[in-house]
All heavy atoms as atom14 arrays in JSON, in Angstrom:
{
  "sequence": "DSVKDRFTISRDNAKNTVYLQMNSLKPEDTAVYYCASTGNRLWGRAVV",
  "atom14_mask": [
    [1, 1, 1, 1, 1, 1, 1, 1, 0, 0, 0, 0, 0, 0],
    [1, 1, 1, 1, 1, 1, 0, 0, 0, 0, 0, 0, 0, 0],
    [1, 1, 1, 1, 1, 1, 1, 0, 0, 0, 0, 0, 0, 0],
    [1, 1, 1, 1, 1, 1, 1, 1, 1, 0, 0, 0, 0, 0],
    [1, 1, 1, 1, 1, 1, 1, 1, 0, 0, 0, 0, 0, 0],
    [1, 1, 1, 1, 1, 1, 1, 1, 1, 1, 1, 0, 0, 0],
    [1, 1, 1, 1, 1, 1, 1, 1, 1, 1, 1, 0, 0, 0],
    [1, 1, 1, 1, 1, 1, 1, 0, 0, 0, 0, 0, 0, 0],
    [1, 1, 1, 1, 1, 1, 1, 1, 0, 0, 0, 0, 0, 0],
    [1, 1, 1, 1, 1, 1, 0, 0, 0, 0, 0, 0, 0, 0],
    [1, 1, 1, 1, 1, 1, 1, 1, 1, 1, 1, 0, 0, 0],
    [1, 1, 1, 1, 1, 1, 1, 1, 0, 0, 0, 0, 0, 0],
    [1, 1, 1, 1, 1, 1, 1, 1, 0, 0, 0, 0, 0, 0],
    [1, 1, 1, 1, 1, 0, 0, 0, 0, 0, 0, 0, 0, 0],
    [1, 1, 1, 1, 1, 1, 1, 1, 1, 0, 0, 0, 0, 0],
    [1, 1, 1, 1, 1, 1, 1, 1, 0, 0, 0, 0, 0, 0],
    [1, 1, 1, 1, 1, 1, 1, 0, 0, 0, 0, 0, 0, 0],
    [1, 1, 1, 1, 1, 1, 1, 0, 0, 0, 0, 0, 0, 0],
    [1, 1, 1, 1, 1, 1, 1, 1, 1, 1, 1, 1, 0, 0],
    [1, 1, 1, 1, 1, 1, 1, 1, 0, 0, 0, 0, 0, 0],
    [1, 1, 1, 1, 1, 1, 1, 1, 1, 0, 0, 0, 0, 0],
    [1, 1, 1, 1, 1, 1, 1, 1, 0, 0, 0, 0, 0, 0],
    [1, 1, 1, 1, 1, 1, 1, 1, 0, 0, 0, 0, 0, 0],
    [1, 1, 1, 1, 1, 1, 0, 0, 0, 0, 0, 0, 0, 0],
    [1, 1, 1, 1, 1, 1, 1, 1, 0, 0, 0, 0, 0, 0],
    [1, 1, 1, 1, 1, 1, 1, 1, 1, 0, 0, 0, 0, 0],
    [1, 1, 1, 1, 1, 1, 1, 0, 0, 0, 0, 0, 0, 0],
    [1, 1, 1, 1, 1, 1, 1, 1, 1, 0, 0, 0, 0, 0],
    [1, 1, 1, 1, 1, 1, 1, 1, 0, 0, 0, 0, 0, 0],
    [1, 1, 1, 1, 1, 1, 1, 0, 0, 0, 0, 0, 0, 0],
    [1, 1, 1, 1, 1, 0, 0, 0, 0, 0, 0, 0, 0, 0],
    [1, 1, 1, 1, 1, 1, 1, 0, 0, 0, 0, 0, 0, 0],
    [1, 1, 1, 1, 1, 1, 1, 1, 1, 1, 1, 1, 0, 0],
    [1, 1, 1, 1, 1, 1, 1, 1, 1, 1, 1, 1, 0, 0],
    [1, 1, 1, 1, 1, 1, 0, 0, 0, 0, 0, 0, 0, 0],
    [1, 1, 1, 1, 1, 0, 0, 0, 0, 0, 0, 0, 0, 0],
    [1, 1, 1, 1, 1, 1, 0, 0, 0, 0, 0, 0, 0, 0],
    [1, 1, 1, 1, 1, 1, 1, 0, 0, 0, 0, 0, 0, 0],
    [1, 1, 1, 1, 0, 0, 0, 0, 0, 0, 0, 0, 0, 0],
    [1, 1, 1, 1, 1, 1, 1, 1, 0, 0, 0, 0, 0, 0],
    [1, 1, 1, 1, 1, 1, 1, 1, 1, 1, 1, 0, 0, 0],
    [1, 1, 1, 1, 1, 1, 1, 1, 0, 0, 0, 0, 0, 0],
    [1, 1, 1, 1, 1, 1, 1, 1, 1, 1, 1, 1, 1, 1],
    [1, 1, 1, 1, 0, 0, 0, 0, 0, 0, 0, 0, 0, 0],
    [1, 1, 1, 1, 1, 1, 1, 1, 1, 1, 1, 0, 0, 0],
    [1, 1, 1, 1, 1, 0, 0, 0, 0, 0, 0, 0, 0, 0],
    [1, 1, 1, 1, 1, 1, 1, 0, 0, 0, 0, 0, 0, 0],
    [1, 1, 1, 1, 1, 1, 1, 0, 0, 0, 0, 0, 0, 0]
  ],
  "atom14_positions": [
    [[0.81, -1.21, 0.03], [0.04, -0.03, -0.01], [0.82, 1.31, -0.03], [0.49, 2.33, -0.61], [-0.98, 0.01, 1.22], [-1.98, -0.98, 1.13], [-2.31, -1.47, 0.0], [-2.56, -1.4, 2.21], [0.0, 0.0, 0.0], [0.0, 0.0, 0.0], [0.0, 0.0, 0.0], [0.0, 0.0, 0.0], [0.0, 0.0, 0.0], [0.0, 0.0, 0.0]],
    [[1.99, 1.16, 0.63], [2.96, 2.32, 0.7], [3.54, 2.79, -0.56], [3.89, 3.97, -0.66], [4.01, 2.17, 1.67], [4.78, 1.01, 1.36], [0.0, 0.0, 0.0], [0.0, 0.0, 0.0], [0.0, 0.0, 0.0], [0.0, 0.0, 0.0], [0.0, 0.0, 0.0], [0.0, 0.0, 0.0], [0.0, 0.0, 0.0], [0.0, 0.0, 0.0]],
    [[3.56, 1.96, -1.62], [4.16, 2.32, -2.88], [3.26, 2.19, -4.04], [3.6, 2.71, -5.24], [5.44, 1.41, -3.14], [6.44, 1.36, -2.08], [5.03, 0.01, -3.52], [0.0, 0.0, 0.0], [0.0, 0.0, 0.0], [0.0, 0.0, 0.0], [0.0, 0.0, 0.0], [0.0, 0.0, 0.0], [0.0, 0.0, 0.0], [0.0, 0.0, 0.0]],
    [[2.09, 1.7, -3.81], [1.05, 1.52, -4.87], [0.76, 3.01, -5.53], [0.64, 3.95, -4.87], [-0.16, 0.89, -4.46], [-1.13, 0.56, -5.47], [-2.35, -0.18, -4.89], [-3.32, -0.71, -5.95], [-4.53, -1.4, -5.39], [0.0, 0.0, 0.0], [0.0, 0.0, 0.0], [0.0, 0.0, 0.0], [0.0, 0.0, 0.0], [0.0, 0.0, 0.0]],
    [[0.74, 2.95, -6.8], [0.55, 4.11, -7.71], [1.71, 4.97, -7.76], [1.71, 6.09, -8.45], [-0.62, 5.02, -7.04], [-2.0, 4.31, -7.01], [-2.2, 3.49, -7.9], [-2.79, 4.61, -5.98], [0.0, 0.0, 0.0], [0.0, 0.0, 0.0], [0.0, 0.0, 0.0], [0.0, 0.0, 0.0], [0.0, 0.0, 0.0], [0.0, 0.0, 0.0]],
    [[2.81, 4.67, -7.11], [4.21, 5.46, -7.31], [5.21, 4.52, -7.9], [6.02, 4.98, -8.67], [4.65, 5.93, -6.01], [3.66, 6.96, -5.24], [4.43, 7.57, -4.08], [4.7, 6.56, -3.09], [5.97, 6.4, -2.6], [6.99, 7.11, -3.12], [6.1, 5.48, -1.55], [0.0, 0.0, 0.0], [0.0, 0.0, 0.0], [0.0, 0.0, 0.0]],
    [[5.15, 3.26, -7.56], [6.22, 2.37, -8.07], [5.48, 1.33, -9.12], [4.37, 1.06, -9.02], [6.74, 1.43, -6.93], [7.52, 2.17, -5.91], [7.69, 3.6, -5.91], [8.31, 1.46, -5.02], [8.56, 4.24, -4.99], [9.15, 2.2, -4.05], [9.06, 3.53, -3.95], [0.0, 0.0, 0.0], [0.0, 0.0, 0.0], [0.0, 0.0, 0.0]],
    [[6.4, 0.83, -10.06], [5.89, -0.08, -11.04], [6.93, -1.14, -11.19], [8.17, -0.75, -11.53], [5.65, 0.58, -12.3], [4.65, 1.69, -12.3], [5.11, -0.39, -13.38], [0.0, 0.0, 0.0], [0.0, 0.0, 0.0], [0.0, 0.0, 0.0], [0.0, 0.0, 0.0], [0.0, 0.0, 0.0], [0.0, 0.0, 0.0], [0.0, 0.0, 0.0]],
    [[6.67, -2.45, -11.1], [7.51, -3.43, -11.38], [7.21, -3.97, -12.72], [5.99, -4.13, -13.15], [7.37, -4.54, -10.22], [8.35, -5.67, -10.41], [5.93, -5.19, -10.29], [8.3, -6.72, -9.28], [0.0, 0.0, 0.0], [0.0, 0.0, 0.0], [0.0, 0.0, 0.0], [0.0, 0.0, 0.0], [0.0, 0.0, 0.0], [0.0, 0.0, 0.0]],
    [[8.28, -4.49, -13.4], [8.16, -4.99, -14.75], [9.24, -5.96, -15.0], [10.29, -6.04, -14.15], [8.11, -3.86, -15.84], [9.31, -3.19, -15.7], [0.0, 0.0, 0.0], [0.0, 0.0, 0.0], [0.0, 0.0, 0.0], [0.0, 0.0, 0.0], [0.0, 0.0, 0.0], [0.0, 0.0, 0.0], [0.0, 0.0, 0.0], [0.0, 0.0, 0.0]],
    [[9.22, -6.73, -16.0], [10.2, -7.65, -16.28], [10.43, -7.85, -17.82], [9.47, -7.64, -18.61], [9.95, -9.05, -15.66], [8.7, -9.74, -16.23], [8.34, -10.97, -15.36], [9.31, -11.97, -15.31], [9.48, -12.86, -14.3], [8.71, -12.96, -13.29], [10.48, -13.69, -14.37], [0.0, 0.0, 0.0], [0.0, 0.0, 0.0], [0.0, 0.0, 0.0]],
    [[11.62, -8.26, -18.13], [11.81, -8.63, -19.53], [12.45, -10.11, -19.48], [13.73, -10.16, -19.13], [12.88, -7.59, -20.24], [13.19, -7.91, -21.7], [12.86, -8.99, -22.09], [13.59, -6.89, -22.3], [0.0, 0.0, 0.0], [0.0, 0.0, 0.0], [0.0, 0.0, 0.0], [0.0, 0.0, 0.0], [0.0, 0.0, 0.0], [0.0, 0.0, 0.0]],
    [[11.74, -11.06, -19.83], [12.25, -12.41, -19.63], [13.3, -12.66, -20.69], [14.13, -13.51, -20.47], [11.07, -13.38, -19.91], [10.2, -13.38, -18.58], [10.53, -12.86, -17.58], [9.09, -13.89, -18.72], [0.0, 0.0, 0.0], [0.0, 0.0, 0.0], [0.0, 0.0, 0.0], [0.0, 0.0, 0.0], [0.0, 0.0, 0.0], [0.0, 0.0, 0.0]],
    [[13.26, -12.04, -21.87], [14.33, -12.26, -22.8], [15.63, -11.7, -22.34], [16.58, -12.25, -22.79], [14.01, -11.5, -24.14], [0.0, 0.0, 0.0], [0.0, 0.0, 0.0], [0.0, 0.0, 0.0], [0.0, 0.0, 0.0], [0.0, 0.0, 0.0], [0.0, 0.0, 0.0], [0.0, 0.0, 0.0], [0.0, 0.0, 0.0], [0.0, 0.0, 0.0]],
    [[15.69, -10.77, -21.4], [16.86, -10.22, -20.83], [17.22, -10.78, -19.42], [18.21, -10.17, -18.81], [16.82, -8.78, -20.87], [16.76, -8.11, -22.3], [16.77, -6.62, -22.22], [16.82, -6.01, -23.64], [16.79, -4.49, -23.61], [0.0, 0.0, 0.0], [0.0, 0.0, 0.0], [0.0, 0.0, 0.0], [0.0, 0.0, 0.0], [0.0, 0.0, 0.0]],
    [[16.37, -11.61, -18.83], [16.5, -12.1, -17.57], [16.66, -10.96, -16.51], [17.49, -10.92, -15.65], [17.81, -12.93, -17.46], [17.47, -14.43, -17.89], [16.56, -14.73, -18.59], [18.38, -15.38, -17.45], [0.0, 0.0, 0.0], [0.0, 0.0, 0.0], [0.0, 0.0, 0.0], [0.0, 0.0, 0.0], [0.0, 0.0, 0.0], [0.0, 0.0, 0.0]],
    [[15.73, -9.89, -16.7], [15.87, -8.69, -15.94], [14.48, -8.37, -15.45], [13.41, -8.48, -16.03], [16.42, -7.57, -16.77], [17.67, -7.99, -17.31], [16.62, -6.25, -16.02], [0.0, 0.0, 0.0], [0.0, 0.0, 0.0], [0.0, 0.0, 0.0], [0.0, 0.0, 0.0], [0.0, 0.0, 0.0], [0.0, 0.0, 0.0], [0.0, 0.0, 0.0]],
    [[14.51, -7.76, -14.16], [13.21, -7.27, -13.63], [13.61, -5.77, -13.19], [14.77, -5.54, -12.75], [12.78, -8.04, -12.45], [13.83, -8.14, -11.32], [11.44, -7.67, -11.95], [0.0, 0.0, 0.0], [0.0, 0.0, 0.0], [0.0, 0.0, 0.0], [0.0, 0.0, 0.0], [0.0, 0.0, 0.0], [0.0, 0.0, 0.0], [0.0, 0.0, 0.0]],
    [[12.57, -4.99, -13.24], [12.87, -3.54, -12.93], [11.77, -3.0, -11.98], [10.78, -3.64, -11.67], [12.45, -2.75, -14.28], [13.31, -3.17, -15.4], [12.8, -4.12, -16.33], [14.62, -2.74, -15.77], [13.51, -4.52, -17.37], [15.3, -3.12, -16.83], [14.72, -3.97, -17.7], [15.44, -4.44, -18.78], [0.0, 0.0, 0.0], [0.0, 0.0, 0.0]],
    [[12.27, -2.02, -11.31], [11.29, -1.29, -10.3], [11.44, 0.13, -10.6], [12.49, 0.72, -10.19], [11.73, -1.65, -8.8], [10.73, -1.08, -7.76], [9.36, -1.7, -7.83], [11.27, -1.16, -6.37], [0.0, 0.0, 0.0], [0.0, 0.0, 0.0], [0.0, 0.0, 0.0], [0.0, 0.0, 0.0], [0.0, 0.0, 0.0], [0.0, 0.0, 0.0]],
    [[10.42, 0.78, -11.16], [10.46, 2.21, -11.59], [9.78, 2.8, -10.31], [8.68, 2.55, -9.89], [9.66, 2.43, -12.79], [9.59, 3.87, -13.05], [10.7, 4.53, -13.51], [11.53, 3.96, -14.18], [11.02, 5.71, -12.92], [0.0, 0.0, 0.0], [0.0, 0.0, 0.0], [0.0, 0.0, 0.0], [0.0, 0.0, 0.0], [0.0, 0.0, 0.0]],
    [[10.57, 3.8, -9.57], [10.12, 4.46, -8.51], [9.89, 5.92, -8.74], [10.99, 6.59, -9.09], [11.14, 4.2, -7.4], [11.41, 2.71, -7.05], [12.38, 2.5, -5.73], [14.05, 3.23, -6.23], [0.0, 0.0, 0.0], [0.0, 0.0, 0.0], [0.0, 0.0, 0.0], [0.0, 0.0, 0.0], [0.0, 0.0, 0.0], [0.0, 0.0, 0.0]],
    [[8.79, 6.38, -8.7], [8.41, 7.85, -8.95], [7.92, 8.39, -7.71], [7.53, 7.82, -6.64], [7.32, 7.92, -9.92], [7.84, 7.39, -11.33], [8.98, 7.34, -11.71], [6.78, 6.89, -12.06], [0.0, 0.0, 0.0], [0.0, 0.0, 0.0], [0.0, 0.0, 0.0], [0.0, 0.0, 0.0], [0.0, 0.0, 0.0], [0.0, 0.0, 0.0]],
    [[7.96, 9.78, -7.67], [7.53, 10.45, -6.49], [8.2, 9.97, -5.19], [7.42, 9.78, -4.14], [5.94, 10.54, -6.42], [5.35, 11.0, -7.56], [0.0, 0.0, 0.0], [0.0, 0.0, 0.0], [0.0, 0.0, 0.0], [0.0, 0.0, 0.0], [0.0, 0.0, 0.0], [0.0, 0.0, 0.0], [0.0, 0.0, 0.0], [0.0, 0.0, 0.0]],
    [[9.4, 9.82, -5.11], [10.14, 9.22, -4.06], [9.96, 10.14, -2.8], [9.88, 11.46, -2.86], [11.54, 9.05, -4.39], [11.72, 7.8, -5.18], [13.17, 7.73, -5.76], [11.65, 6.47, -4.29], [0.0, 0.0, 0.0], [0.0, 0.0, 0.0], [0.0, 0.0, 0.0], [0.0, 0.0, 0.0], [0.0, 0.0, 0.0], [0.0, 0.0, 0.0]],
    [[9.81, 9.52, -1.65], [9.75, 10.16, -0.36], [10.88, 9.79, 0.65], [11.48, 8.69, 0.46], [8.33, 9.76, 0.34], [7.08, 9.97, -0.6], [5.86, 9.36, 0.11], [4.65, 9.58, -0.64], [3.47, 9.14, -0.09], [0.0, 0.0, 0.0], [0.0, 0.0, 0.0], [0.0, 0.0, 0.0], [0.0, 0.0, 0.0], [0.0, 0.0, 0.0]],
    [[11.09, 10.54, 1.64], [12.16, 10.13, 2.6], [11.92, 8.73, 3.21], [12.95, 8.02, 3.51], [12.16, 11.21, 3.6], [11.62, 12.49, 2.82], [10.59, 11.98, 1.77], [0.0, 0.0, 0.0], [0.0, 0.0, 0.0], [0.0, 0.0, 0.0], [0.0, 0.0, 0.0], [0.0, 0.0, 0.0], [0.0, 0.0, 0.0], [0.0, 0.0, 0.0]],
    [[10.66, 8.54, 3.32], [10.38, 7.12, 3.91], [10.57, 5.99, 3.07], [10.48, 4.77, 3.4], [8.91, 7.07, 4.54], [7.94, 7.57, 3.48], [7.46, 8.98, 3.69], [8.35, 9.8, 3.93], [6.2, 9.37, 3.49], [0.0, 0.0, 0.0], [0.0, 0.0, 0.0], [0.0, 0.0, 0.0], [0.0, 0.0, 0.0], [0.0, 0.0, 0.0]],
    [[10.93, 6.23, 1.77], [11.35, 5.19, 0.98], [12.79, 4.83, 0.99], [13.28, 3.92, 0.46], [11.16, 5.63, -0.63], [9.52, 5.78, -0.95], [8.79, 4.96, -0.45], [9.24, 6.81, -1.55], [0.0, 0.0, 0.0], [0.0, 0.0, 0.0], [0.0, 0.0, 0.0], [0.0, 0.0, 0.0], [0.0, 0.0, 0.0], [0.0, 0.0, 0.0]],
    [[13.6, 5.54, 1.81], [14.96, 5.36, 2.03], [15.23, 3.95, 2.68], [14.58, 3.64, 3.65], [15.6, 6.38, 2.93], [15.56, 7.66, 2.27], [17.08, 5.99, 3.31], [0.0, 0.0, 0.0], [0.0, 0.0, 0.0], [0.0, 0.0, 0.0], [0.0, 0.0, 0.0], [0.0, 0.0, 0.0], [0.0, 0.0, 0.0], [0.0, 0.0, 0.0]],
    [[16.03, 3.19, 2.08], [16.19, 1.72, 2.41], [17.09, 1.01, 1.5], [17.53, 1.55, 0.42], [14.91, 0.97, 2.45], [0.0, 0.0, 0.0], [0.0, 0.0, 0.0], [0.0, 0.0, 0.0], [0.0, 0.0, 0.0], [0.0, 0.0, 0.0], [0.0, 0.0, 0.0], [0.0, 0.0, 0.0], [0.0, 0.0, 0.0], [0.0, 0.0, 0.0]],
    [[17.64, -0.14, 1.88], [18.29, -1.02, 0.89], [17.2, -1.83, 0.34], [16.39, -2.39, 0.91], [19.34, -1.98, 1.74], [20.01, -2.85, 0.71], [20.4, -1.03, 2.38], [0.0, 0.0, 0.0], [0.0, 0.0, 0.0], [0.0, 0.0, 0.0], [0.0, 0.0, 0.0], [0.0, 0.0, 0.0], [0.0, 0.0, 0.0], [0.0, 0.0, 0.0]],
    [[17.3, -1.89, -1.05], [16.28, -2.58, -1.8], [16.89, -3.86, -2.3], [18.05, -3.85, -2.9], [15.82, -1.73, -3.07], [14.9, -0.62, -2.59], [15.32, 0.43, -1.78], [13.44, -0.79, -2.88], [14.37, 1.39, -1.44], [12.51, 0.18, -2.5], [13.05, 1.26, -1.76], [12.19, 2.35, -1.42], [0.0, 0.0, 0.0], [0.0, 0.0, 0.0]],
    [[16.06, -4.99, -2.19], [16.66, -6.23, -2.52], [15.65, -6.92, -3.54], [14.42, -6.91, -3.5], [16.61, -7.26, -1.29], [17.51, -6.7, -0.25], [17.15, -6.01, 0.81], [18.89, -7.29, -0.09], [17.98, -5.59, 1.88], [19.66, -6.92, 0.86], [19.37, -6.09, 1.81], [20.14, -5.66, 2.83], [0.0, 0.0, 0.0], [0.0, 0.0, 0.0]],
    [[16.3, -7.59, -4.45], [15.58, -8.34, -5.42], [15.55, -9.84, -5.03], [16.58, -10.28, -4.47], [16.33, -8.19, -6.79], [15.74, -9.18, -8.15], [0.0, 0.0, 0.0], [0.0, 0.0, 0.0], [0.0, 0.0, 0.0], [0.0, 0.0, 0.0], [0.0, 0.0, 0.0], [0.0, 0.0, 0.0], [0.0, 0.0, 0.0], [0.0, 0.0, 0.0]],
    [[14.46, -10.52, -5.25], [14.45, -11.92, -4.79], [13.65, -12.7, -5.93], [12.74, -12.25, -6.59], [13.71, -11.92, -3.4], [0.0, 0.0, 0.0], [0.0, 0.0, 0.0], [0.0, 0.0, 0.0], [0.0, 0.0, 0.0], [0.0, 0.0, 0.0], [0.0, 0.0, 0.0], [0.0, 0.0, 0.0], [0.0, 0.0, 0.0], [0.0, 0.0, 0.0]],
    [[13.94, -13.97, -5.89], [13.22, -15.0, -6.92], [12.7, -16.23, -6.12], [13.27, -16.61, -5.23], [14.15, -15.28, -7.98], [15.21, -16.14, -7.55], [0.0, 0.0, 0.0], [0.0, 0.0, 0.0], [0.0, 0.0, 0.0], [0.0, 0.0, 0.0], [0.0, 0.0, 0.0], [0.0, 0.0, 0.0], [0.0, 0.0, 0.0], [0.0, 0.0, 0.0]],
    [[11.66, -16.65, -6.62], [11.13, -17.99, -6.22], [10.68, -18.73, -7.42], [10.15, -18.2, -8.4], [10.21, -17.76, -5.14], [9.65, -19.1, -4.73], [8.95, -17.02, -5.73], [0.0, 0.0, 0.0], [0.0, 0.0, 0.0], [0.0, 0.0, 0.0], [0.0, 0.0, 0.0], [0.0, 0.0, 0.0], [0.0, 0.0, 0.0], [0.0, 0.0, 0.0]],
    [[10.84, -20.12, -7.4], [10.53, -20.9, -8.49], [9.13, -21.61, -8.36], [8.43, -21.11, -7.51], [0.0, 0.0, 0.0], [0.0, 0.0, 0.0], [0.0, 0.0, 0.0], [0.0, 0.0, 0.0], [0.0, 0.0, 0.0], [0.0, 0.0, 0.0], [0.0, 0.0, 0.0], [0.0, 0.0, 0.0], [0.0, 0.0, 0.0], [0.0, 0.0, 0.0]],
    [[9.01, -22.6, -8.96], [7.74, -23.43, -8.75], [6.46, -22.75, -9.14], [5.36, -23.03, -8.68], [7.72, -24.02, -7.38], [8.82, -24.89, -7.06], [9.22, -25.77, -7.85], [9.45, -24.79, -5.88], [0.0, 0.0, 0.0], [0.0, 0.0, 0.0], [0.0, 0.0, 0.0], [0.0, 0.0, 0.0], [0.0, 0.0, 0.0], [0.0, 0.0, 0.0]],
    [[6.47, -21.65, -9.92], [5.46, -20.84, -10.4], [4.56, -20.41, -9.08], [3.34, -20.44, -9.38], [4.7, -21.54, -11.42], [5.46, -21.87, -12.57], [4.78, -22.59, -13.74], [5.5, -22.98, -14.92], [5.67, -22.17, -15.84], [5.12, -20.95, -16.01], [6.44, -22.51, -16.89], [0.0, 0.0, 0.0], [0.0, 0.0, 0.0], [0.0, 0.0, 0.0]],
    [[5.15, -20.03, -8.14], [4.31, -19.54, -6.94], [3.7, -18.27, -7.2], [4.24, -17.44, -7.83], [5.18, -19.49, -5.7], [5.77, -20.7, -5.07], [6.72, -20.22, -3.9], [4.79, -21.65, -4.75], [0.0, 0.0, 0.0], [0.0, 0.0, 0.0], [0.0, 0.0, 0.0], [0.0, 0.0, 0.0], [0.0, 0.0, 0.0], [0.0, 0.0, 0.0]],
    [[2.47, -18.21, -6.72], [1.7, -16.86, -6.85], [0.62, -16.84, -5.82], [0.34, -17.79, -5.11], [1.07, -16.68, -8.31], [0.65, -15.47, -8.59], [-0.65, -14.98, -8.86], [1.44, -14.19, -8.59], [-0.66, -13.61, -9.0], [0.58, -13.13, -8.79], [2.76, -13.95, -8.36], [1.07, -11.75, -8.96], [3.2, -12.66, -8.48], [2.29, -11.51, -8.81]],
    [[0.0, -15.71, -5.76], [-1.11, -15.33, -4.78], [-0.43, -14.44, -3.65], [0.76, -14.63, -3.22], [0.0, 0.0, 0.0], [0.0, 0.0, 0.0], [0.0, 0.0, 0.0], [0.0, 0.0, 0.0], [0.0, 0.0, 0.0], [0.0, 0.0, 0.0], [0.0, 0.0, 0.0], [0.0, 0.0, 0.0], [0.0, 0.0, 0.0], [0.0, 0.0, 0.0]],
    [[-1.32, -13.49, -3.32], [-0.88, -12.3, -2.47], [-0.27, -12.95, -1.12], [0.69, -12.35, -0.61], [-1.97, -11.4, -2.2], [-1.65, -10.26, -1.33], [-2.84, -9.2, -1.23], [-2.84, -8.46, -2.42], [-2.12, -7.34, -2.63], [-1.21, -6.98, -1.73], [-2.29, -6.62, -3.74], [0.0, 0.0, 0.0], [0.0, 0.0, 0.0], [0.0, 0.0, 0.0]],
    [[-1.07, -13.88, -0.52], [-0.65, -14.33, 0.71], [0.79, -15.03, 0.72], [1.39, -15.09, 1.83], [-1.7, -15.4, 1.26], [0.0, 0.0, 0.0], [0.0, 0.0, 0.0], [0.0, 0.0, 0.0], [0.0, 0.0, 0.0], [0.0, 0.0, 0.0], [0.0, 0.0, 0.0], [0.0, 0.0, 0.0], [0.0, 0.0, 0.0], [0.0, 0.0, 0.0]],
    [[1.11, -15.45, -0.41], [2.41, -16.17, -0.59], [3.49, -15.24, -0.96], [4.63, -15.14, -0.27], [2.28, -17.27, -1.7], [3.67, -17.97, -1.89], [1.27, -18.27, -1.32], [0.0, 0.0, 0.0], [0.0, 0.0, 0.0], [0.0, 0.0, 0.0], [0.0, 0.0, 0.0], [0.0, 0.0, 0.0], [0.0, 0.0, 0.0], [0.0, 0.0, 0.0]],
    [[3.41, -14.48, -2.0], [4.59, -13.8, -2.66], [4.76, -12.43, -1.97], [5.79, -11.74, -2.36], [4.4, -13.58, -4.18], [4.24, -15.08, -4.79], [3.15, -12.74, -4.51], [0.0, 0.0, 0.0], [0.0, 0.0, 0.0], [0.0, 0.0, 0.0], [0.0, 0.0, 0.0], [0.0, 0.0, 0.0], [0.0, 0.0, 0.0], [0.0, 0.0, 0.0]]
  ]
}
């Protein structure tokens, strides 16, 4: 909820790359940002 409407996640499977576009940044967005992956085609809000 804290980033919805400001951040956009996207991916390019041909380039093995995922992006996080961050707009309208706020001081409370200050942090170390980590990328993570999980296999087995997991999905669902409660899981991912």
